[in-house]
Amino acid sequence: MNETELLESRLSELCKKSFERDIFTFSDFLGLMEQTALKSAVKGFPASHVTLFGGAEGCERVMARFGDPEALGWEEPFPIVCLKIAPKSQKFADALTHRDFLGALMHLGFRREMLGDIAIFENIGYLFAEEKMAEHILTSLTEVKRTAVTVSFVEEIPEGELFRTETLTVQVQSERLDAVIAKVFSLSREDAQGYFAKDLVFVNGAVVESTSHTPKAGDRISVRTKGRFIYGGQTSLSKKGKINVKVEKYV
């Protein structure tokens, strides 16, 4: 078995275990490729049996919870915590990037699947992580890059600030996904198509290979190394017959 097949098998077993024993089970954090594997793993199970959540609205890395709350008769929260990683002194801190925060955590031995999204706001990192890892992170993470940091629990997530979007209107010849991506990220059509060839384009967590795929309003589109946006759909036509579409681009 290759890695994808092993992951699909593991996810399928979690789903089956939940279904047969009437309990909730949870995956580790899943990136976009893992979410594609999840869709294959749960074929044949009711859609209501699988819920995805990353700790806050807008998270790209998510856990899968297997189990239907309505059928089971209770709700079990996702074992996710949000940790605030802040410089001890902003005045003397380096400008910290996502790579800096993730690198510091990986250096301490935390595996990527234990960690969700890391959102940065005003040089402070907000990390979504598996609950069982929280204490270890709290006690072991003392430095990011060359900056001394403190780690604390976040009781209330600053919704709307961690994952900010800006509304854009772009003009396209058609609503083909390659055309939309080219406009949103200021790429040539040929360059945009190259991301499809490398399996770097995802719609709602599933890889999309077809450049002619037509997104629907509300679809979450991610292009690895470029960014992501929520597709808002057609708003109007220009005098020359071009299509104006709205997107919410994450910034």
C-alpha atoms as a PDB file:
ATOM      1  CA  MET A   1       0.000   0.000   0.000  1.00  0.00           C
ATOM      2  CA  ASN A   2       1.160   3.550  -0.709  1.00  0.00           C
ATOM      3  CA  GLU A   3       0.681   6.410   1.769  1.00  0.00           C
ATOM      4  CA  THR A   4      -2.644   7.513   0.273  1.00  0.00           C
ATOM      5  CA  GLU A   5      -4.058   3.991   0.417  1.00  0.00           C
ATOM      6  CA  LEU A   6      -2.902   3.595   4.028  1.00  0.00           C
ATOM      7  CA  LEU A   7      -4.566   6.883   4.982  1.00  0.00           C
ATOM      8  CA  GLU A   8      -7.794   5.912   3.222  1.00  0.00           C
ATOM      9  CA  SER A   9      -7.784   2.593   5.061  1.00  0.00           C
ATOM     10  CA  ARG A  10      -7.190   4.280   8.436  1.00  0.00           C
ATOM     11  CA  LEU A  11      -9.958   6.835   7.864  1.00  0.00           C
ATOM     12  CA  SER A  12     -12.349   4.151   6.649  1.00  0.00           C
ATOM     13  CA  GLU A  13     -11.692   2.116   9.805  1.00  0.00           C
ATOM     14  CA  LEU A  14     -12.418   5.148  12.010  1.00  0.00           C
ATOM     15  CA  CYS A  15     -15.675   5.728  10.171  1.00  0.00           C
ATOM     16  CA  LYS A  16     -16.628   2.040  10.366  1.00  0.00           C
ATOM     17  CA  LYS A  17     -15.786   1.896  14.088  1.00  0.00           C
ATOM     18  CA  SER A  18     -18.026   4.874  14.786  1.00  0.00           C
ATOM     19  CA  PHE A  19     -20.861   3.464  12.678  1.00  0.00           C
ATOM     20  CA  GLU A  20     -20.748  -0.017  14.223  1.00  0.00           C
ATOM     21  CA  ARG A  21     -20.241   0.995  17.866  1.00  0.00           C
ATOM     22  CA  ASP A  22     -22.440   4.125  17.920  1.00  0.00           C
ATOM     23  CA  ILE A  23     -19.608   6.350  19.164  1.00  0.00           C
ATOM     24  CA  PHE A  24     -17.785   9.416  17.908  1.00  0.00           C
ATOM     25  CA  THR A  25     -14.281   8.962  16.509  1.00  0.00           C
ATOM     26  CA  PHE A  26     -11.872  11.620  15.302  1.00  0.00           C
ATOM     27  CA  SER A  27      -9.074  11.805  12.757  1.00  0.00           C
ATOM     28  CA  ASP A  28      -5.886  13.821  13.111  1.00  0.00           C
ATOM     29  CA  PHE A  29      -5.727  17.119  11.252  1.00  0.00           C
ATOM     30  CA  LEU A  30      -6.117  16.646   7.507  1.00  0.00           C
ATOM     31  CA  GLY A  31      -4.534  18.841   4.864  1.00  0.00           C
ATOM     32  CA  LEU A  32      -6.041  19.280   1.420  1.00  0.00           C
ATOM     33  CA  MET A  33      -4.598  16.084  -0.063  1.00  0.00           C
ATOM     34  CA  GLU A  34      -5.719  14.131   3.005  1.00  0.00           C
ATOM     35  CA  GLN A  35      -9.213  15.580   2.651  1.00  0.00           C
ATOM     36  CA  THR A  36      -9.291  14.229  -0.899  1.00  0.00           C
ATOM     37  CA  ALA A  37      -8.405  10.787   0.502  1.00  0.00           C
ATOM     38  CA  LEU A  38     -11.178  11.171   3.081  1.00  0.00           C
ATOM     39  CA  LYS A  39     -13.812  11.533   0.367  1.00  0.00           C
ATOM     40  CA  SER A  40     -12.764   8.170  -1.073  1.00  0.00           C
ATOM     41  CA  ALA A  41     -12.554   6.545   2.367  1.00  0.00           C
ATOM     42  CA  VAL A  42     -16.119   7.341   3.401  1.00  0.00           C
ATOM     43  CA  LYS A  43     -17.929   6.378   0.212  1.00  0.00           C
ATOM     44  CA  GLY A  44     -20.900   4.244   1.178  1.00  0.00           C
ATOM     45  CA  PHE A  45     -21.389   5.947   4.537  1.00  0.00           C
ATOM     46  CA  PRO A  46     -24.135   8.572   5.085  1.00  0.00           C
ATOM     47  CA  ALA A  47     -22.960  12.139   4.470  1.00  0.00           C
ATOM     48  CA  SER A  48     -24.359  13.137   7.873  1.00  0.00           C
ATOM     49  CA  HIS A  49     -21.891  10.756   9.524  1.00  0.00           C
ATOM     50  CA  VAL A  50     -18.843  12.921   8.710  1.00  0.00           C
ATOM     51  CA  THR A  51     -18.278  16.473   9.972  1.00  0.00           C
ATOM     52  CA  LEU A  52     -15.201  18.589   9.274  1.00  0.00           C
ATOM     53  CA  PHE A  53     -13.920  21.346  11.549  1.00  0.00           C
ATOM     54  CA  GLY A  54     -10.554  22.977  12.156  1.00  0.00           C
ATOM     55  CA  GLY A  55     -11.246  24.999  15.289  1.00  0.00           C
ATOM     56  CA  ALA A  56     -12.750  28.121  13.710  1.00  0.00           C
ATOM     57  CA  GLU A  57     -14.574  29.216  10.586  1.00  0.00           C
ATOM     58  CA  GLY A  58     -12.032  29.655   7.803  1.00  0.00           C
ATOM     59  CA  CYS A  59      -9.552  26.957   8.848  1.00  0.00           C
ATOM     60  CA  GLU A  60      -8.133  24.982   5.939  1.00  0.00           C
ATOM     61  CA  ARG A  61      -6.666  22.092   7.914  1.00  0.00           C
ATOM     62  CA  VAL A  62      -9.492  20.184   9.575  1.00  0.00           C
ATOM     63  CA  MET A  63     -10.299  17.150  11.685  1.00  0.00           C
ATOM     64  CA  ALA A  64     -12.950  14.677  10.605  1.00  0.00           C
ATOM     65  CA  ARG A  65     -15.478  13.654  13.230  1.00  0.00           C
ATOM     66  CA  PHE A  66     -17.251  10.405  12.476  1.00  0.00           C
ATOM     67  CA  GLY A  67     -20.699  10.013  14.014  1.00  0.00           C
ATOM     68  CA  ASP A  68     -24.120  11.545  13.460  1.00  0.00           C
ATOM     69  CA  PRO A  69     -25.178  13.640  16.518  1.00  0.00           C
ATOM     70  CA  GLU A  70     -28.847  13.287  15.628  1.00  0.00           C
ATOM     71  CA  ALA A  71     -28.654   9.504  15.395  1.00  0.00           C
ATOM     72  CA  LEU A  72     -26.473   9.160  18.502  1.00  0.00           C
ATOM     73  CA  GLY A  73     -28.526  11.583  20.562  1.00  0.00           C
ATOM     74  CA  TRP A  74     -25.667  13.729  21.833  1.00  0.00           C
ATOM     75  CA  GLU A  75     -22.950  16.072  20.610  1.00  0.00           C
ATOM     76  CA  GLU A  76     -19.243  15.564  21.243  1.00  0.00           C
ATOM     77  CA  PRO A  77     -16.972  18.580  20.684  1.00  0.00           C
ATOM     78  CA  PHE A  78     -13.871  18.368  18.543  1.00  0.00           C
ATOM     79  CA  PRO A  79     -10.699  17.839  20.641  1.00  0.00           C
ATOM     80  CA  ILE A  80      -9.136  21.054  19.332  1.00  0.00           C
ATOM     81  CA  VAL A  81      -7.634  23.916  21.300  1.00  0.00           C
ATOM     82  CA  CYS A  82      -6.434  27.323  20.181  1.00  0.00           C
ATOM     83  CA  LEU A  83      -3.100  28.515  21.568  1.00  0.00           C
ATOM     84  CA  LYS A  84      -1.763  32.055  21.425  1.00  0.00           C
ATOM     85  CA  ILE A  85       1.977  32.270  20.729  1.00  0.00           C
ATOM     86  CA  ALA A  86       3.101  35.822  21.458  1.00  0.00           C
ATOM     87  CA  PRO A  87       6.534  37.488  21.620  1.00  0.00           C
ATOM     88  CA  LYS A  88       7.525  38.418  25.157  1.00  0.00           C
ATOM     89  CA  SER A  89       8.484  41.828  23.776  1.00  0.00           C
ATOM     90  CA  GLN A  90       6.977  43.015  20.499  1.00  0.00           C
ATOM     91  CA  LYS A  91       9.480  45.873  20.442  1.00  0.00           C
ATOM     92  CA  PHE A  92      12.437  43.517  20.098  1.00  0.00           C
ATOM     93  CA  ALA A  93      10.683  40.702  18.209  1.00  0.00           C
ATOM     94  CA  ASP A  94      11.498  39.513  14.708  1.00  0.00           C
ATOM     95  CA  ALA A  95       8.771  39.777  12.089  1.00  0.00           C
ATOM     96  CA  LEU A  96       7.411  36.238  12.419  1.00  0.00           C
ATOM     97  CA  THR A  97       5.967  34.239   9.534  1.00  0.00           C
ATOM     98  CA  HIS A  98       3.885  31.083   9.272  1.00  0.00           C
ATOM     99  CA  ARG A  99       7.063  29.197   8.367  1.00  0.00           C
ATOM    100  CA  ASP A 100       8.780  30.466  11.536  1.00  0.00           C
ATOM    101  CA  PHE A 101       5.986  29.266  13.838  1.00  0.00           C
ATOM    102  CA  LEU A 102       5.615  25.912  12.098  1.00  0.00           C
ATOM    103  CA  GLY A 103       9.386  25.373  11.951  1.00  0.00           C
ATOM    104  CA  ALA A 104       9.739  25.978  15.697  1.00  0.00           C
ATOM    105  CA  LEU A 105       7.013  23.429  16.437  1.00  0.00           C
ATOM    106  CA  MET A 106       8.367  20.808  14.050  1.00  0.00           C
ATOM    107  CA  HIS A 107      11.849  21.281  15.517  1.00  0.00           C
ATOM    108  CA  LEU A 108      10.406  20.284  18.896  1.00  0.00           C
ATOM    109  CA  GLY A 109       9.109  17.038  17.409  1.00  0.00           C
ATOM    110  CA  PHE A 110       5.447  17.869  16.817  1.00  0.00           C
ATOM    111  CA  ARG A 111       4.155  16.064  13.739  1.00  0.00           C
ATOM    112  CA  ARG A 112       2.210  18.042  11.159  1.00  0.00           C
ATOM    113  CA  GLU A 113      -0.935  15.961  11.636  1.00  0.00           C
ATOM    114  CA  MET A 114      -1.095  17.091  15.287  1.00  0.00           C
ATOM    115  CA  LEU A 115      -1.278  20.725  14.200  1.00  0.00           C
ATOM    116  CA  GLY A 116      -4.018  22.621  12.431  1.00  0.00           C
ATOM    117  CA  ASP A 117      -3.900  26.089  10.938  1.00  0.00           C
ATOM    118  CA  ILE A 118      -1.591  28.795  12.220  1.00  0.00           C
ATOM    119  CA  ALA A 119      -3.092  32.249  11.773  1.00  0.00           C
ATOM    120  CA  ILE A 120      -0.925  35.321  12.292  1.00  0.00           C
ATOM    121  CA  PHE A 121      -2.363  38.590  13.515  1.00  0.00           C
ATOM    122  CA  GLU A 122      -0.197  41.529  14.618  1.00  0.00           C
ATOM    123  CA  ASN A 123       2.899  39.288  14.847  1.00  0.00           C
ATOM    124  CA  ILE A 124       1.105  36.848  17.159  1.00  0.00           C
ATOM    125  CA  GLY A 125       0.515  33.258  16.107  1.00  0.00           C
ATOM    126  CA  TYR A 126      -2.800  31.563  16.826  1.00  0.00           C
ATOM    127  CA  LEU A 127      -2.306  27.808  16.623  1.00  0.00           C
ATOM    128  CA  PHE A 128      -5.069  25.214  16.405  1.00  0.00           C
ATOM    129  CA  ALA A 129      -3.794  21.924  17.790  1.00  0.00           C
ATOM    130  CA  GLU A 130      -4.931  18.563  19.088  1.00  0.00           C
ATOM    131  CA  GLU A 131      -6.076  18.950  22.680  1.00  0.00           C
ATOM    132  CA  LYS A 132      -3.774  16.170  23.915  1.00  0.00           C
ATOM    133  CA  MET A 133      -0.749  18.137  22.637  1.00  0.00           C
ATOM    134  CA  ALA A 134      -1.619  21.410  24.378  1.00  0.00           C
ATOM    135  CA  GLU A 135       0.317  20.992  27.620  1.00  0.00           C
ATOM    136  CA  HIS A 136       3.435  19.838  25.825  1.00  0.00           C
ATOM    137  CA  ILE A 137       3.319  22.884  23.542  1.00  0.00           C
ATOM    138  CA  LEU A 138       2.692  25.198  26.494  1.00  0.00           C
ATOM    139  CA  THR A 139       5.771  23.967  28.348  1.00  0.00           C
ATOM    140  CA  SER A 140       8.209  23.313  25.516  1.00  0.00           C
ATOM    141  CA  LEU A 141       7.753  26.159  23.025  1.00  0.00           C
ATOM    142  CA  THR A 142       9.808  29.089  24.289  1.00  0.00           C
ATOM    143  CA  GLU A 143      11.310  30.534  21.120  1.00  0.00           C
ATOM    144  CA  VAL A 144      10.267  31.186  17.525  1.00  0.00           C
ATOM    145  CA  LYS A 145      13.091  32.108  15.186  1.00  0.00           C
ATOM    146  CA  ARG A 146      15.254  34.153  17.586  1.00  0.00           C
ATOM    147  CA  THR A 147      12.302  35.617  19.482  1.00  0.00           C
ATOM    148  CA  ALA A 148      11.355  34.570  23.015  1.00  0.00           C
ATOM    149  CA  VAL A 149       7.651  33.734  23.184  1.00  0.00           C
ATOM    150  CA  THR A 150       4.957  32.844  25.673  1.00  0.00           C
ATOM    151  CA  VAL A 151       2.174  30.355  24.960  1.00  0.00           C
ATOM    152  CA  SER A 152      -1.307  30.525  26.458  1.00  0.00           C
ATOM    153  CA  PHE A 153      -4.781  29.154  25.911  1.00  0.00           C
ATOM    154  CA  VAL A 154      -7.229  31.283  23.938  1.00  0.00           C
ATOM    155  CA  GLU A 155     -10.583  31.306  25.680  1.00  0.00           C
ATOM    156  CA  GLU A 156     -12.370  33.248  22.953  1.00  0.00           C
ATOM    157  CA  ILE A 157     -11.149  33.145  19.366  1.00  0.00           C
ATOM    158  CA  PRO A 158     -11.167  36.587  17.686  1.00  0.00           C
ATOM    159  CA  GLU A 159     -13.545  35.505  14.926  1.00  0.00           C
ATOM    160  CA  GLY A 160     -13.265  37.398  11.660  1.00  0.00           C
ATOM    161  CA  GLU A 161      -9.776  38.677  12.405  1.00  0.00           C
ATOM    162  CA  LEU A 162      -7.725  35.495  12.149  1.00  0.00           C
ATOM    163  CA  PHE A 163      -8.980  34.541   8.696  1.00  0.00           C
ATOM    164  CA  ARG A 164      -9.667  37.814   6.938  1.00  0.00           C
ATOM    165  CA  THR A 165     -10.979  38.162   3.403  1.00  0.00           C
ATOM    166  CA  GLU A 166     -11.278  40.969   0.908  1.00  0.00           C
ATOM    167  CA  THR A 167     -14.079  41.165  -1.647  1.00  0.00           C
ATOM    168  CA  LEU A 168     -12.904  41.255  -5.256  1.00  0.00           C
ATOM    169  CA  THR A 169     -14.764  41.460  -8.526  1.00  0.00           C
ATOM    170  CA  VAL A 170     -12.905  39.956 -11.466  1.00  0.00           C
ATOM    171  CA  GLN A 171     -13.872  39.863 -15.128  1.00  0.00           C
ATOM    172  CA  VAL A 172     -13.611  36.603 -17.050  1.00  0.00           C
ATOM    173  CA  GLN A 173     -14.572  35.243 -20.465  1.00  0.00           C
ATOM    174  CA  SER A 174     -16.198  32.212 -18.829  1.00  0.00           C
ATOM    175  CA  GLU A 175     -16.632  30.734 -15.364  1.00  0.00           C
ATOM    176  CA  ARG A 176     -14.117  27.980 -16.055  1.00  0.00           C
ATOM    177  CA  LEU A 177     -12.012  27.501 -12.960  1.00  0.00           C
ATOM    178  CA  ASP A 178      -8.697  28.081 -14.743  1.00  0.00           C
ATOM    179  CA  ALA A 179      -9.960  31.454 -15.982  1.00  0.00           C
ATOM    180  CA  VAL A 180     -11.132  32.492 -12.518  1.00  0.00           C
ATOM    181  CA  ILE A 181      -7.879  31.411 -10.850  1.00  0.00           C
ATOM    182  CA  ALA A 182      -5.824  33.282 -13.448  1.00  0.00           C
ATOM    183  CA  LYS A 183      -7.678  36.519 -12.684  1.00  0.00           C
ATOM    184  CA  VAL A 184      -7.749  36.153  -8.903  1.00  0.00           C
ATOM    185  CA  PHE A 185      -4.002  35.494  -8.647  1.00  0.00           C
ATOM    186  CA  SER A 186      -2.888  37.639 -11.623  1.00  0.00           C
ATOM    187  CA  LEU A 187      -1.592  34.668 -13.618  1.00  0.00           C
ATOM    188  CA  SER A 188      -1.555  33.893 -17.301  1.00  0.00           C
ATOM    189  CA  ARG A 189      -4.105  31.265 -18.353  1.00  0.00           C
ATOM    190  CA  GLU A 190      -1.230  28.881 -19.169  1.00  0.00           C
ATOM    191  CA  ASP A 191       0.350  29.346 -15.729  1.00  0.00           C
ATOM    192  CA  ALA A 192      -3.011  28.794 -14.035  1.00  0.00           C
ATOM    193  CA  GLN A 193      -3.468  25.532 -15.938  1.00  0.00           C
ATOM    194  CA  GLY A 194      -0.067  24.356 -14.710  1.00  0.00           C
ATOM    195  CA  TYR A 195      -1.406  24.180 -11.149  1.00  0.00           C
ATOM    196  CA  PHE A 196      -4.079  21.716 -12.270  1.00  0.00           C
ATOM    197  CA  ALA A 197      -1.448  19.506 -13.923  1.00  0.00           C
ATOM    198  CA  LYS A 198       0.444  19.323 -10.608  1.00  0.00           C
ATOM    199  CA  ASP A 199      -2.691  18.511  -8.524  1.00  0.00           C
ATOM    200  CA  LEU A 200      -2.427  21.807  -6.651  1.00  0.00           C
ATOM    201  CA  VAL A 201      -6.021  22.990  -7.136  1.00  0.00           C
ATOM    202  CA  PHE A 202      -8.697  22.012  -4.609  1.00  0.00           C
ATOM    203  CA  VAL A 203     -12.411  22.732  -4.425  1.00  0.00           C
ATOM    204  CA  ASN A 204     -14.031  22.123  -1.036  1.00  0.00           C
ATOM    205  CA  GLY A 205     -11.054  19.995   0.013  1.00  0.00           C
ATOM    206  CA  ALA A 206     -11.024  17.749  -3.079  1.00  0.00           C
ATOM    207  CA  VAL A 207      -8.362  17.915  -5.781  1.00  0.00           C
ATOM    208  CA  VAL A 208      -9.677  19.085  -9.176  1.00  0.00           C
ATOM    209  CA  GLU A 209      -7.856  18.079 -12.346  1.00  0.00           C
ATOM    210  CA  SER A 210     -10.198  19.540 -14.945  1.00  0.00           C
ATOM    211  CA  THR A 211      -9.348  23.107 -15.978  1.00  0.00           C
ATOM    212  CA  SER A 212     -12.887  23.490 -17.332  1.00  0.00           C
ATOM    213  CA  HIS A 213     -14.508  22.767 -13.958  1.00  0.00           C
ATOM    214  CA  THR A 214     -17.219  25.353 -13.229  1.00  0.00           C
ATOM    215  CA  PRO A 215     -17.342  26.367  -9.551  1.00  0.00           C
ATOM    216  CA  LYS A 216     -20.578  27.043  -7.710  1.00  0.00           C
ATOM    217  CA  ALA A 217     -21.307  29.981  -5.424  1.00  0.00           C
ATOM    218  CA  GLY A 218     -19.979  29.178  -1.963  1.00  0.00           C
ATOM    219  CA  ASP A 219     -17.227  26.822  -3.166  1.00  0.00           C
ATOM    220  CA  ARG A 220     -13.939  27.149  -1.271  1.00  0.00           C
ATOM    221  CA  ILE A 221     -11.072  27.098  -3.733  1.00  0.00           C
ATOM    222  CA  SER A 222      -7.429  26.615  -2.744  1.00  0.00           C
ATOM    223  CA  VAL A 223      -4.389  26.839  -4.982  1.00  0.00           C
ATOM    224  CA  ARG A 224      -1.276  25.522  -3.274  1.00  0.00           C
ATOM    225  CA  THR A 225       1.481  28.176  -2.930  1.00  0.00           C
ATOM    226  CA  LYS A 226      -0.864  30.927  -4.200  1.00  0.00           C
ATOM    227  CA  GLY A 227      -3.732  31.218  -1.717  1.00  0.00           C
ATOM    228  CA  ARG A 228      -7.434  30.570  -1.449  1.00  0.00           C
ATOM    229  CA  PHE A 229     -10.805  32.204  -1.934  1.00  0.00           C
ATOM    230  CA  ILE A 230     -14.541  31.644  -1.683  1.00  0.00           C
ATOM    231  CA  TYR A 231     -16.305  31.813  -5.020  1.00  0.00           C
ATOM    232  CA  GLY A 232     -19.299  34.124  -5.000  1.00  0.00           C
ATOM    233  CA  GLY A 233     -20.607  33.537  -8.516  1.00  0.00           C
ATOM    234  CA  GLN A 234     -21.633  35.759 -11.392  1.00  0.00           C
ATOM    235  CA  THR A 235     -22.844  39.259 -10.555  1.00  0.00           C
ATOM    236  CA  SER A 236     -23.314  40.910 -13.965  1.00  0.00           C
ATOM    237  CA  LEU A 237     -22.212  41.113 -17.589  1.00  0.00           C
ATOM    238  CA  SER A 238     -20.030  43.854 -19.037  1.00  0.00           C
ATOM    239  CA  LYS A 239     -21.044  45.781 -22.148  1.00  0.00           C
ATOM    240  CA  LYS A 240     -18.640  43.578 -24.108  1.00  0.00           C
ATOM    241  CA  GLY A 241     -20.238  40.408 -22.793  1.00  0.00           C
ATOM    242  CA  LYS A 242     -17.596  39.485 -20.222  1.00  0.00           C
ATOM    243  CA  ILE A 243     -18.695  37.981 -16.924  1.00  0.00           C
ATOM    244  CA  ASN A 244     -18.171  39.809 -13.639  1.00  0.00           C
ATOM    245  CA  VAL A 245     -17.747  37.374 -10.753  1.00  0.00           C
ATOM    246  CA  LYS A 246     -17.309  38.045  -7.048  1.00  0.00           C
ATOM    247  CA  VAL A 247     -14.798  36.288  -4.816  1.00  0.00           C
ATOM    248  CA  GLU A 248     -13.814  36.547  -1.147  1.00  0.00           C
ATOM    249  CA  LYS A 249     -10.031  36.226  -1.200  1.00  0.00           C
ATOM    250  CA  TYR A 250      -8.196  35.327   1.998  1.00  0.00           C
ATOM    251  CA  VAL A 251      -5.505  37.872   2.876  1.00  0.00           C
END
